[in-house]
Amino acid sequence: MMEYEEAFFEDFTLKPDSILHDFLCYETKDASGNWFKYAEDQPDTSLFCYETPYDIKIADLDGVVSICNTESRTITIDPEYVDDKKVILHEMIHAYIGQFEGDQFSVFLECLLLRLYNELKTKISDLEGRIINHAHTIRQEDFYDHGSHGLLFLLKSFDLDLRLSLPLGSVCSYGRDNTGEGI
């Protein structure tokens, strides 16, 4: 997970070179009048170094693939799926979103939603339809008792799908891993 964090979550870890660059960096003049780029120190938002690190567990979940509990800061994965990158990334998205919700940095969730949407709309021709189908009230029953899978979750999962050359919807799952028709 630490490798995945470094490779795929530069946005959620508030790295200055991520798609959040414009919200984290600015230009200023030094004493001699020369311009230079500056990035304010951001908090360490690593899942493993934040104020309370996430505990990763492997346990039999009786038919459930994995669970992210943001309150206890645990990610539990059924042993059958311990090497499934899609499952691990899915739970990591939950953990990051939960880490920022209600926090003083929650505005970054909105900024990230905006930036991911703008980046993905040039790469996914049917993005609007996929968003509507995902967020449609009739499709929300897919998630009953399965945590929150809002638009930021969907967009980040598409970002990961593209980076890993997976069919769109693979990381999101819940039947989203197809062409998008009829979902």
N, C-alpha and C. Protein backbone atom coordinates (compact mmCIF):
# COMPACT_ATOMS: atom_id res chain seq x y z
N MET A 1 0.83 -1.20 0.00
CA MET A 1 0.00 0.00 0.00
C MET A 1 0.86 1.26 0.00
N MET A 2 1.99 1.21 0.66
CA MET A 2 2.86 2.38 0.67
C MET A 2 3.39 2.65 -0.75
N GLU A 3 3.67 1.60 -1.50
CA GLU A 3 4.10 1.77 -2.89
C GLU A 3 2.98 2.36 -3.73
N TYR A 4 1.76 1.89 -3.52
CA TYR A 4 0.62 2.41 -4.27
C TYR A 4 0.38 3.87 -3.91
N GLU A 5 0.56 4.20 -2.65
CA GLU A 5 0.37 5.58 -2.22
C GLU A 5 1.31 6.51 -2.98
N GLU A 6 2.56 6.13 -3.04
CA GLU A 6 3.54 6.97 -3.72
C GLU A 6 3.29 7.02 -5.22
N ALA A 7 2.88 5.92 -5.81
CA ALA A 7 2.70 5.85 -7.27
C ALA A 7 1.40 6.47 -7.76
N PHE A 8 0.33 6.39 -6.96
CA PHE A 8 -1.00 6.74 -7.47
C PHE A 8 -1.76 7.81 -6.68
N PHE A 9 -1.27 8.22 -5.53
CA PHE A 9 -2.05 9.13 -4.69
C PHE A 9 -1.30 10.43 -4.37
N GLU A 10 -0.52 10.92 -5.33
CA GLU A 10 0.19 12.18 -5.12
C GLU A 10 -0.79 13.33 -4.91
N ASP A 11 -1.99 13.19 -5.46
CA ASP A 11 -3.02 14.22 -5.27
C ASP A 11 -3.52 14.22 -3.83
N PHE A 12 -3.87 13.07 -3.30
CA PHE A 12 -4.38 12.98 -1.94
C PHE A 12 -3.29 13.20 -0.88
N THR A 13 -2.04 13.02 -1.25
CA THR A 13 -0.96 13.29 -0.29
C THR A 13 -0.44 14.71 -0.45
N LEU A 14 -1.14 15.51 -1.24
CA LEU A 14 -0.88 16.94 -1.40
C LEU A 14 0.55 17.24 -1.86
N LYS A 15 1.01 16.46 -2.82
CA LYS A 15 2.33 16.71 -3.40
C LYS A 15 2.24 17.93 -4.32
N PRO A 16 3.21 18.83 -4.25
CA PRO A 16 3.17 20.04 -5.08
C PRO A 16 3.14 19.77 -6.58
N ASP A 17 3.63 18.61 -7.03
CA ASP A 17 3.63 18.31 -8.46
C ASP A 17 2.39 17.54 -8.90
N SER A 18 1.37 17.47 -8.06
CA SER A 18 0.14 16.77 -8.41
C SER A 18 -0.80 17.69 -9.17
N ILE A 19 -1.98 17.18 -9.50
CA ILE A 19 -2.97 18.01 -10.20
C ILE A 19 -3.50 19.12 -9.30
N LEU A 20 -3.14 19.11 -8.04
CA LEU A 20 -3.53 20.19 -7.12
C LEU A 20 -2.47 21.29 -7.05
N HIS A 21 -1.49 21.23 -7.93
CA HIS A 21 -0.37 22.19 -7.92
C HIS A 21 -0.82 23.63 -7.73
N ASP A 22 -1.79 24.07 -8.51
CA ASP A 22 -2.21 25.47 -8.46
C ASP A 22 -2.81 25.86 -7.11
N PHE A 23 -3.25 24.89 -6.34
CA PHE A 23 -3.82 25.17 -5.03
C PHE A 23 -2.79 25.08 -3.91
N LEU A 24 -1.61 24.56 -4.24
CA LEU A 24 -0.58 24.33 -3.23
C LEU A 24 0.65 25.22 -3.39
N CYS A 25 0.84 25.75 -4.60
CA CYS A 25 2.07 26.48 -4.90
C CYS A 25 1.74 27.89 -5.39
N TYR A 26 2.73 28.75 -5.28
CA TYR A 26 2.58 30.10 -5.81
C TYR A 26 3.97 30.65 -6.11
N GLU A 27 3.99 31.77 -6.82
CA GLU A 27 5.25 32.43 -7.11
C GLU A 27 5.38 33.66 -6.24
N THR A 28 6.60 33.93 -5.83
CA THR A 28 6.89 35.10 -5.01
C THR A 28 8.28 35.61 -5.36
N LYS A 29 8.57 36.83 -4.95
CA LYS A 29 9.88 37.42 -5.21
C LYS A 29 10.77 37.25 -3.99
N ASP A 30 12.04 36.99 -4.26
CA ASP A 30 12.99 36.97 -3.16
C ASP A 30 13.50 38.39 -2.91
N ALA A 31 14.40 38.55 -1.99
CA ALA A 31 14.91 39.87 -1.60
C ALA A 31 15.55 40.62 -2.77
N SER A 32 16.09 39.90 -3.74
CA SER A 32 16.74 40.56 -4.89
C SER A 32 15.76 40.83 -6.02
N GLY A 33 14.49 40.50 -5.84
CA GLY A 33 13.49 40.77 -6.86
C GLY A 33 13.29 39.66 -7.87
N ASN A 34 13.97 38.54 -7.70
CA ASN A 34 13.80 37.39 -8.60
C ASN A 34 12.59 36.57 -8.19
N TRP A 35 11.85 36.10 -9.20
CA TRP A 35 10.67 35.28 -8.95
C TRP A 35 11.09 33.84 -8.73
N PHE A 36 10.43 33.18 -7.82
CA PHE A 36 10.64 31.74 -7.64
C PHE A 36 9.34 31.10 -7.19
N LYS A 37 9.21 29.81 -7.50
CA LYS A 37 8.01 29.06 -7.11
C LYS A 37 8.18 28.59 -5.68
N TYR A 38 7.08 28.63 -4.96
CA TYR A 38 7.11 28.27 -3.56
C TYR A 38 5.92 27.36 -3.26
N ALA A 39 6.15 26.33 -2.51
CA ALA A 39 5.07 25.45 -2.05
C ALA A 39 5.09 25.45 -0.53
N GLU A 40 3.99 25.85 0.04
CA GLU A 40 3.90 25.83 1.50
C GLU A 40 3.95 24.38 1.97
N ASP A 41 4.55 24.19 3.11
CA ASP A 41 4.56 22.84 3.68
C ASP A 41 3.13 22.43 4.00
N GLN A 42 2.75 21.28 3.48
CA GLN A 42 1.43 20.73 3.74
C GLN A 42 1.57 19.64 4.80
N PRO A 43 0.49 19.33 5.48
CA PRO A 43 0.58 18.26 6.47
C PRO A 43 0.87 16.93 5.78
N ASP A 44 1.47 16.01 6.49
CA ASP A 44 1.71 14.69 5.94
C ASP A 44 0.38 13.95 5.95
N THR A 45 -0.17 13.74 4.77
CA THR A 45 -1.48 13.09 4.67
C THR A 45 -1.35 11.63 4.23
N SER A 46 -0.17 11.08 4.37
CA SER A 46 0.03 9.67 4.09
C SER A 46 -0.88 8.85 5.01
N LEU A 47 -1.45 7.79 4.47
CA LEU A 47 -2.29 6.92 5.30
C LEU A 47 -1.49 6.28 6.42
N PHE A 48 -0.19 6.24 6.25
CA PHE A 48 0.64 5.53 7.20
C PHE A 48 1.43 6.46 8.13
N CYS A 49 1.36 7.76 7.88
CA CYS A 49 2.12 8.72 8.70
C CYS A 49 1.24 9.83 9.25
N TYR A 50 -0.03 9.89 8.88
CA TYR A 50 -0.93 10.94 9.35
C TYR A 50 -1.03 10.84 10.87
N GLU A 51 -1.72 11.75 11.49
CA GLU A 51 -1.82 11.80 12.95
C GLU A 51 -2.03 10.42 13.57
N THR A 52 -2.97 9.68 13.04
CA THR A 52 -3.19 8.29 13.46
C THR A 52 -3.09 7.43 12.21
N PRO A 53 -2.04 6.64 12.07
CA PRO A 53 -1.87 5.84 10.86
C PRO A 53 -2.96 4.78 10.71
N TYR A 54 -3.21 4.40 9.47
CA TYR A 54 -4.14 3.31 9.19
C TYR A 54 -3.52 1.98 9.57
N ASP A 55 -4.35 1.11 10.12
CA ASP A 55 -3.94 -0.25 10.44
C ASP A 55 -4.48 -1.14 9.32
N ILE A 56 -3.62 -1.94 8.74
CA ILE A 56 -3.99 -2.82 7.64
C ILE A 56 -4.11 -4.23 8.18
N LYS A 57 -5.25 -4.87 7.93
CA LYS A 57 -5.50 -6.21 8.46
C LYS A 57 -5.89 -7.16 7.33
N ILE A 58 -5.52 -8.40 7.50
CA ILE A 58 -5.95 -9.47 6.61
C ILE A 58 -6.80 -10.39 7.48
N ALA A 59 -8.08 -10.56 7.09
CA ALA A 59 -8.99 -11.38 7.89
C ALA A 59 -10.10 -11.92 7.01
N ASP A 60 -10.60 -13.09 7.39
CA ASP A 60 -11.72 -13.69 6.69
C ASP A 60 -12.95 -12.80 6.93
N LEU A 61 -13.52 -12.32 5.86
CA LEU A 61 -14.65 -11.38 5.97
C LEU A 61 -15.98 -12.02 5.58
N ASP A 62 -16.04 -13.34 5.54
CA ASP A 62 -17.29 -14.06 5.27
C ASP A 62 -18.04 -13.53 4.07
N GLY A 63 -17.43 -13.59 2.91
CA GLY A 63 -18.10 -13.21 1.68
C GLY A 63 -17.93 -11.75 1.29
N VAL A 64 -17.38 -10.93 2.17
CA VAL A 64 -17.09 -9.54 1.85
C VAL A 64 -15.63 -9.47 1.41
N VAL A 65 -15.37 -8.70 0.37
CA VAL A 65 -14.03 -8.62 -0.19
C VAL A 65 -13.09 -7.80 0.69
N SER A 66 -13.56 -6.62 1.10
CA SER A 66 -12.72 -5.72 1.88
C SER A 66 -13.58 -4.66 2.56
N ILE A 67 -12.99 -4.03 3.57
CA ILE A 67 -13.71 -3.00 4.33
C ILE A 67 -12.72 -1.91 4.73
N CYS A 68 -13.15 -0.66 4.58
CA CYS A 68 -12.39 0.46 5.11
C CYS A 68 -13.24 1.10 6.19
N ASN A 69 -12.73 1.12 7.41
CA ASN A 69 -13.42 1.76 8.51
C ASN A 69 -12.66 3.04 8.83
N THR A 70 -13.21 4.18 8.41
CA THR A 70 -12.52 5.45 8.60
C THR A 70 -12.50 5.88 10.07
N GLU A 71 -13.48 5.44 10.85
CA GLU A 71 -13.49 5.81 12.27
C GLU A 71 -12.37 5.12 13.05
N SER A 72 -12.20 3.82 12.82
CA SER A 72 -11.13 3.10 13.52
C SER A 72 -9.82 3.14 12.74
N ARG A 73 -9.86 3.73 11.54
CA ARG A 73 -8.69 3.87 10.67
C ARG A 73 -8.06 2.50 10.38
N THR A 74 -8.93 1.59 9.91
CA THR A 74 -8.47 0.27 9.52
C THR A 74 -8.95 -0.07 8.12
N ILE A 75 -8.12 -0.77 7.40
CA ILE A 75 -8.49 -1.37 6.13
C ILE A 75 -8.31 -2.87 6.33
N THR A 76 -9.39 -3.62 6.10
CA THR A 76 -9.34 -5.07 6.25
C THR A 76 -9.63 -5.69 4.88
N ILE A 77 -8.80 -6.65 4.50
CA ILE A 77 -8.95 -7.32 3.20
C ILE A 77 -9.03 -8.82 3.45
N ASP A 78 -9.99 -9.46 2.79
CA ASP A 78 -10.12 -10.90 2.86
C ASP A 78 -8.87 -11.54 2.25
N PRO A 79 -8.34 -12.62 2.84
CA PRO A 79 -7.10 -13.23 2.34
C PRO A 79 -7.15 -13.58 0.84
N GLU A 80 -8.32 -13.91 0.34
CA GLU A 80 -8.45 -14.27 -1.08
C GLU A 80 -8.11 -13.09 -2.00
N TYR A 81 -8.23 -11.86 -1.50
CA TYR A 81 -8.04 -10.67 -2.33
C TYR A 81 -6.81 -9.84 -1.93
N VAL A 82 -5.96 -10.40 -1.09
CA VAL A 82 -4.84 -9.64 -0.56
C VAL A 82 -3.87 -9.16 -1.64
N ASP A 83 -3.82 -9.83 -2.78
CA ASP A 83 -2.94 -9.42 -3.87
C ASP A 83 -3.69 -8.75 -5.02
N ASP A 84 -4.95 -8.43 -4.82
CA ASP A 84 -5.76 -7.81 -5.88
C ASP A 84 -5.61 -6.29 -5.81
N LYS A 85 -4.84 -5.76 -6.74
CA LYS A 85 -4.55 -4.32 -6.75
C LYS A 85 -5.82 -3.48 -6.78
N LYS A 86 -6.83 -3.91 -7.54
CA LYS A 86 -8.07 -3.14 -7.63
C LYS A 86 -8.75 -3.02 -6.28
N VAL A 87 -8.77 -4.10 -5.53
CA VAL A 87 -9.41 -4.10 -4.20
C VAL A 87 -8.65 -3.17 -3.25
N ILE A 88 -7.34 -3.28 -3.26
CA ILE A 88 -6.52 -2.44 -2.37
C ILE A 88 -6.71 -0.97 -2.71
N LEU A 89 -6.65 -0.62 -3.99
CA LEU A 89 -6.81 0.78 -4.40
C LEU A 89 -8.21 1.30 -4.07
N HIS A 90 -9.21 0.46 -4.22
CA HIS A 90 -10.59 0.83 -3.89
C HIS A 90 -10.66 1.27 -2.42
N GLU A 91 -10.10 0.47 -1.53
CA GLU A 91 -10.15 0.81 -0.11
C GLU A 91 -9.28 2.01 0.22
N MET A 92 -8.19 2.17 -0.50
CA MET A 92 -7.34 3.34 -0.27
C MET A 92 -8.08 4.63 -0.63
N ILE A 93 -8.89 4.61 -1.68
CA ILE A 93 -9.69 5.80 -2.03
C ILE A 93 -10.61 6.14 -0.86
N HIS A 94 -11.30 5.13 -0.33
CA HIS A 94 -12.17 5.38 0.82
C HIS A 94 -11.39 6.02 1.97
N ALA A 95 -10.21 5.48 2.25
CA ALA A 95 -9.41 5.98 3.37
C ALA A 95 -9.02 7.43 3.16
N TYR A 96 -8.56 7.78 1.97
CA TYR A 96 -8.15 9.16 1.72
C TYR A 96 -9.32 10.12 1.81
N ILE A 97 -10.43 9.77 1.20
CA ILE A 97 -11.59 10.66 1.26
C ILE A 97 -12.02 10.84 2.72
N GLY A 98 -12.06 9.76 3.47
CA GLY A 98 -12.42 9.84 4.89
C GLY A 98 -11.45 10.67 5.70
N GLN A 99 -10.21 10.64 5.31
CA GLN A 99 -9.19 11.39 6.03
C GLN A 99 -9.38 12.90 5.88
N PHE A 100 -9.91 13.33 4.75
CA PHE A 100 -10.09 14.76 4.50
C PHE A 100 -11.48 15.28 4.87
N GLU A 101 -12.46 14.40 4.96
CA GLU A 101 -13.81 14.85 5.27
C GLU A 101 -13.86 15.45 6.67
N GLY A 102 -14.46 16.63 6.77
CA GLY A 102 -14.60 17.29 8.05
C GLY A 102 -13.31 17.88 8.58
N ASP A 103 -12.25 17.74 7.84
CA ASP A 103 -10.95 18.24 8.25
C ASP A 103 -10.79 19.67 7.75
N GLN A 104 -9.82 20.37 8.29
CA GLN A 104 -9.57 21.74 7.84
C GLN A 104 -9.15 21.78 6.38
N PHE A 105 -8.78 20.64 5.82
CA PHE A 105 -8.36 20.58 4.42
C PHE A 105 -9.43 20.00 3.51
N SER A 106 -10.67 19.96 3.96
CA SER A 106 -11.74 19.38 3.15
C SER A 106 -11.93 20.12 1.83
N VAL A 107 -11.52 21.38 1.75
CA VAL A 107 -11.64 22.11 0.49
C VAL A 107 -10.83 21.41 -0.60
N PHE A 108 -9.77 20.69 -0.22
CA PHE A 108 -8.99 19.97 -1.22
C PHE A 108 -9.80 18.88 -1.89
N LEU A 109 -10.79 18.30 -1.19
CA LEU A 109 -11.65 17.30 -1.82
C LEU A 109 -12.41 17.92 -2.98
N GLU A 110 -12.92 19.14 -2.77
CA GLU A 110 -13.64 19.82 -3.84
C GLU A 110 -12.70 20.20 -4.98
N CYS A 111 -11.52 20.67 -4.63
CA CYS A 111 -10.53 21.01 -5.66
C CYS A 111 -10.12 19.78 -6.45
N LEU A 112 -9.95 18.68 -5.75
CA LEU A 112 -9.56 17.44 -6.42
C LEU A 112 -10.68 16.94 -7.33
N LEU A 113 -11.91 17.04 -6.88
CA LEU A 113 -13.06 16.66 -7.72
C LEU A 113 -13.05 17.47 -9.02
N LEU A 114 -12.86 18.76 -8.89
CA LEU A 114 -12.83 19.64 -10.05
C LEU A 114 -11.68 19.28 -10.99
N ARG A 115 -10.49 19.13 -10.45
CA ARG A 115 -9.32 18.83 -11.26
C ARG A 115 -9.41 17.46 -11.93
N LEU A 116 -9.87 16.46 -11.20
CA LEU A 116 -10.02 15.13 -11.79
C LEU A 116 -11.04 15.16 -12.92
N TYR A 117 -12.16 15.83 -12.69
CA TYR A 117 -13.18 15.92 -13.74
C TYR A 117 -12.60 16.58 -14.99
N ASN A 118 -11.94 17.71 -14.82
CA ASN A 118 -11.39 18.42 -15.98
C ASN A 118 -10.33 17.59 -16.71
N GLU A 119 -9.55 16.83 -15.97
CA GLU A 119 -8.53 15.99 -16.60
C GLU A 119 -9.17 14.80 -17.32
N LEU A 120 -10.15 14.19 -16.69
CA LEU A 120 -10.75 12.97 -17.25
C LEU A 120 -11.70 13.23 -18.41
N LYS A 121 -12.33 14.41 -18.46
CA LYS A 121 -13.29 14.65 -19.53
C LYS A 121 -12.63 14.66 -20.91
N THR A 122 -11.33 14.89 -20.97
CA THR A 122 -10.62 14.84 -22.25
C THR A 122 -10.17 13.42 -22.59
N LYS A 123 -10.23 12.52 -21.61
CA LYS A 123 -9.76 11.15 -21.81
C LYS A 123 -10.88 10.13 -21.92
N ILE A 124 -12.04 10.47 -21.38
CA ILE A 124 -13.18 9.53 -21.37
C ILE A 124 -14.34 10.19 -22.09
N SER A 125 -14.61 9.74 -23.30
CA SER A 125 -15.61 10.41 -24.14
C SER A 125 -17.02 10.38 -23.54
N ASP A 126 -17.37 9.34 -22.82
CA ASP A 126 -18.71 9.23 -22.25
C ASP A 126 -18.72 9.50 -20.74
N LEU A 127 -17.82 10.36 -20.28
CA LEU A 127 -17.70 10.63 -18.84
C LEU A 127 -19.01 11.14 -18.24
N GLU A 128 -19.66 12.07 -18.91
CA GLU A 128 -20.92 12.62 -18.37
C GLU A 128 -21.95 11.52 -18.16
N GLY A 129 -22.11 10.67 -19.14
CA GLY A 129 -23.06 9.56 -19.02
C GLY A 129 -22.71 8.62 -17.90
N ARG A 130 -21.42 8.33 -17.75
CA ARG A 130 -20.97 7.46 -16.67
C ARG A 130 -21.25 8.09 -15.30
N ILE A 131 -21.04 9.39 -15.20
CA ILE A 131 -21.32 10.09 -13.94
C ILE A 131 -22.80 10.04 -13.62
N ILE A 132 -23.62 10.34 -14.61
CA ILE A 132 -25.08 10.33 -14.40
C ILE A 132 -25.54 8.93 -14.01
N ASN A 133 -25.07 7.93 -14.73
CA ASN A 133 -25.47 6.56 -14.42
C ASN A 133 -25.00 6.13 -13.03
N HIS A 134 -23.82 6.54 -12.64
CA HIS A 134 -23.29 6.19 -11.32
C HIS A 134 -24.09 6.86 -10.21
N ALA A 135 -24.41 8.12 -10.41
CA ALA A 135 -25.06 8.91 -9.36
C ALA A 135 -26.58 8.81 -9.38
N HIS A 136 -27.15 8.20 -10.40
CA HIS A 136 -28.61 8.09 -10.51
C HIS A 136 -29.18 7.39 -9.28
N THR A 137 -30.32 7.84 -8.83
CA THR A 137 -30.91 7.31 -7.61
C THR A 137 -31.13 5.80 -7.68
N ILE A 138 -31.47 5.29 -8.84
CA ILE A 138 -31.73 3.86 -8.95
C ILE A 138 -30.45 3.04 -8.77
N ARG A 139 -29.31 3.64 -9.04
CA ARG A 139 -28.05 2.93 -8.91
C ARG A 139 -27.48 3.00 -7.49
N GLN A 140 -28.03 3.84 -6.66
CA GLN A 140 -27.50 3.97 -5.31
C GLN A 140 -27.76 2.73 -4.46
N GLU A 141 -28.74 1.92 -4.85
CA GLU A 141 -29.00 0.70 -4.09
C GLU A 141 -27.81 -0.26 -4.16
N ASP A 142 -26.96 -0.11 -5.18
CA ASP A 142 -25.74 -0.92 -5.27
C ASP A 142 -24.86 -0.73 -4.04
N PHE A 143 -24.96 0.44 -3.43
CA PHE A 143 -24.04 0.79 -2.36
C PHE A 143 -24.64 0.67 -0.97
N TYR A 144 -25.91 0.33 -0.85
CA TYR A 144 -26.50 0.21 0.48
C TYR A 144 -25.63 -0.71 1.33
N ASP A 145 -25.27 -0.25 2.50
CA ASP A 145 -24.44 -0.99 3.44
C ASP A 145 -23.03 -1.26 2.92
N HIS A 146 -22.57 -0.48 1.93
CA HIS A 146 -21.23 -0.67 1.37
C HIS A 146 -20.42 0.62 1.38
N GLY A 147 -20.76 1.57 2.20
CA GLY A 147 -19.99 2.81 2.29
C GLY A 147 -20.33 3.80 1.20
N SER A 148 -19.65 4.90 1.23
CA SER A 148 -19.91 6.00 0.30
C SER A 148 -19.06 5.83 -0.96
N HIS A 149 -19.72 6.00 -2.10
CA HIS A 149 -19.05 5.93 -3.40
C HIS A 149 -19.52 7.11 -4.24
N GLY A 150 -19.21 8.31 -3.77
CA GLY A 150 -19.65 9.52 -4.44
C GLY A 150 -18.87 9.80 -5.71
N LEU A 151 -19.06 11.01 -6.22
CA LEU A 151 -18.43 11.38 -7.49
C LEU A 151 -16.91 11.46 -7.41
N LEU A 152 -16.37 11.96 -6.31
CA LEU A 152 -14.92 11.98 -6.17
C LEU A 152 -14.37 10.56 -6.18
N PHE A 153 -15.04 9.66 -5.49
CA PHE A 153 -14.63 8.26 -5.48
C PHE A 153 -14.63 7.72 -6.92
N LEU A 154 -15.71 7.96 -7.64
CA LEU A 154 -15.81 7.47 -9.02
C LEU A 154 -14.70 8.03 -9.89
N LEU A 155 -14.48 9.34 -9.82
CA LEU A 155 -13.46 9.97 -10.68
C LEU A 155 -12.06 9.47 -10.33
N LYS A 156 -11.76 9.33 -9.05
CA LYS A 156 -10.43 8.82 -8.68
C LYS A 156 -10.28 7.38 -9.14
N SER A 157 -11.35 6.60 -9.06
CA SER A 157 -11.26 5.22 -9.53
C SER A 157 -11.03 5.18 -11.04
N PHE A 158 -11.66 6.09 -11.80
CA PHE A 158 -11.40 6.15 -13.25
C PHE A 158 -9.95 6.56 -13.52
N ASP A 159 -9.44 7.51 -12.73
CA ASP A 159 -8.05 7.93 -12.86
C ASP A 159 -7.12 6.73 -12.68
N LEU A 160 -7.39 5.92 -11.69
CA LEU A 160 -6.56 4.73 -11.44
C LEU A 160 -6.74 3.69 -12.55
N ASP A 161 -7.98 3.51 -13.02
CA ASP A 161 -8.21 2.58 -14.13
C ASP A 161 -7.36 2.95 -15.34
N LEU A 162 -7.36 4.24 -15.67
CA LEU A 162 -6.59 4.69 -16.83
C LEU A 162 -5.09 4.50 -16.61
N ARG A 163 -4.61 4.83 -15.44
CA ARG A 163 -3.18 4.67 -15.15
C ARG A 163 -2.73 3.22 -15.22
N LEU A 164 -3.63 2.31 -14.87
CA LEU A 164 -3.30 0.89 -14.83
C LEU A 164 -3.76 0.14 -16.08
N SER A 165 -4.32 0.87 -17.05
CA SER A 165 -4.84 0.28 -18.29
C SER A 165 -5.89 -0.79 -18.01
N LEU A 166 -6.76 -0.50 -17.06
CA LEU A 166 -7.87 -1.39 -16.72
C LEU A 166 -9.14 -0.89 -17.39
N PRO A 167 -10.12 -1.76 -17.60
CA PRO A 167 -11.41 -1.26 -18.08
C PRO A 167 -11.98 -0.26 -17.09
N LEU A 168 -12.58 0.81 -17.60
CA LEU A 168 -13.17 1.81 -16.72
C LEU A 168 -14.19 1.18 -15.79
N GLY A 169 -14.10 1.50 -14.54
CA GLY A 169 -15.00 0.97 -13.53
C GLY A 169 -14.42 -0.19 -12.76
N SER A 170 -13.23 -0.66 -13.12
CA SER A 170 -12.63 -1.81 -12.45
C SER A 170 -12.33 -1.53 -10.98
N VAL A 171 -11.73 -0.40 -10.69
CA VAL A 171 -11.39 -0.08 -9.29
C VAL A 171 -12.66 0.25 -8.51
N CYS A 172 -13.61 0.91 -9.13
CA CYS A 172 -14.87 1.23 -8.44
C CYS A 172 -15.64 -0.05 -8.12
N SER A 173 -15.71 -0.96 -9.09
CA SER A 173 -16.45 -2.22 -9.02
C SER A 173 -17.96 -1.97 -8.93
N TYR A 174 -18.70 -2.79 -8.24
CA TYR A 174 -20.16 -2.71 -8.15
C TYR A 174 -20.82 -2.64 -9.52
N GLY A 175 -20.31 -3.41 -10.47
CA GLY A 175 -20.90 -3.46 -11.80
C GLY A 175 -20.53 -2.29 -12.68
N ARG A 176 -19.58 -1.47 -12.23
CA ARG A 176 -19.17 -0.31 -13.04
C ARG A 176 -18.07 -0.70 -14.02
N ASP A 177 -17.59 -1.94 -13.96
CA ASP A 177 -16.48 -2.36 -14.81
C ASP A 177 -16.97 -2.94 -16.14
N ASN A 178 -17.67 -2.10 -16.87
CA ASN A 178 -18.09 -2.48 -18.21
C ASN A 178 -18.11 -1.22 -19.07
N THR A 179 -18.81 -1.24 -20.16
CA THR A 179 -18.79 -0.13 -21.10
C THR A 179 -19.52 1.11 -20.58
N GLY A 180 -20.26 0.98 -19.53
CA GLY A 180 -21.00 2.13 -19.02
C GLY A 180 -22.44 2.14 -19.51
N GLU A 181 -22.74 1.27 -20.46
CA GLU A 181 -24.11 1.22 -20.96
C GLU A 181 -25.00 0.52 -19.95
N GLY A 182 -26.15 1.11 -19.72
CA GLY A 182 -27.12 0.51 -18.85
C GLY A 182 -26.80 0.57 -17.37
N ILE A 183 -25.75 1.29 -17.02
CA ILE A 183 -25.47 1.40 -15.59
C ILE A 183 -26.06 2.67 -15.03
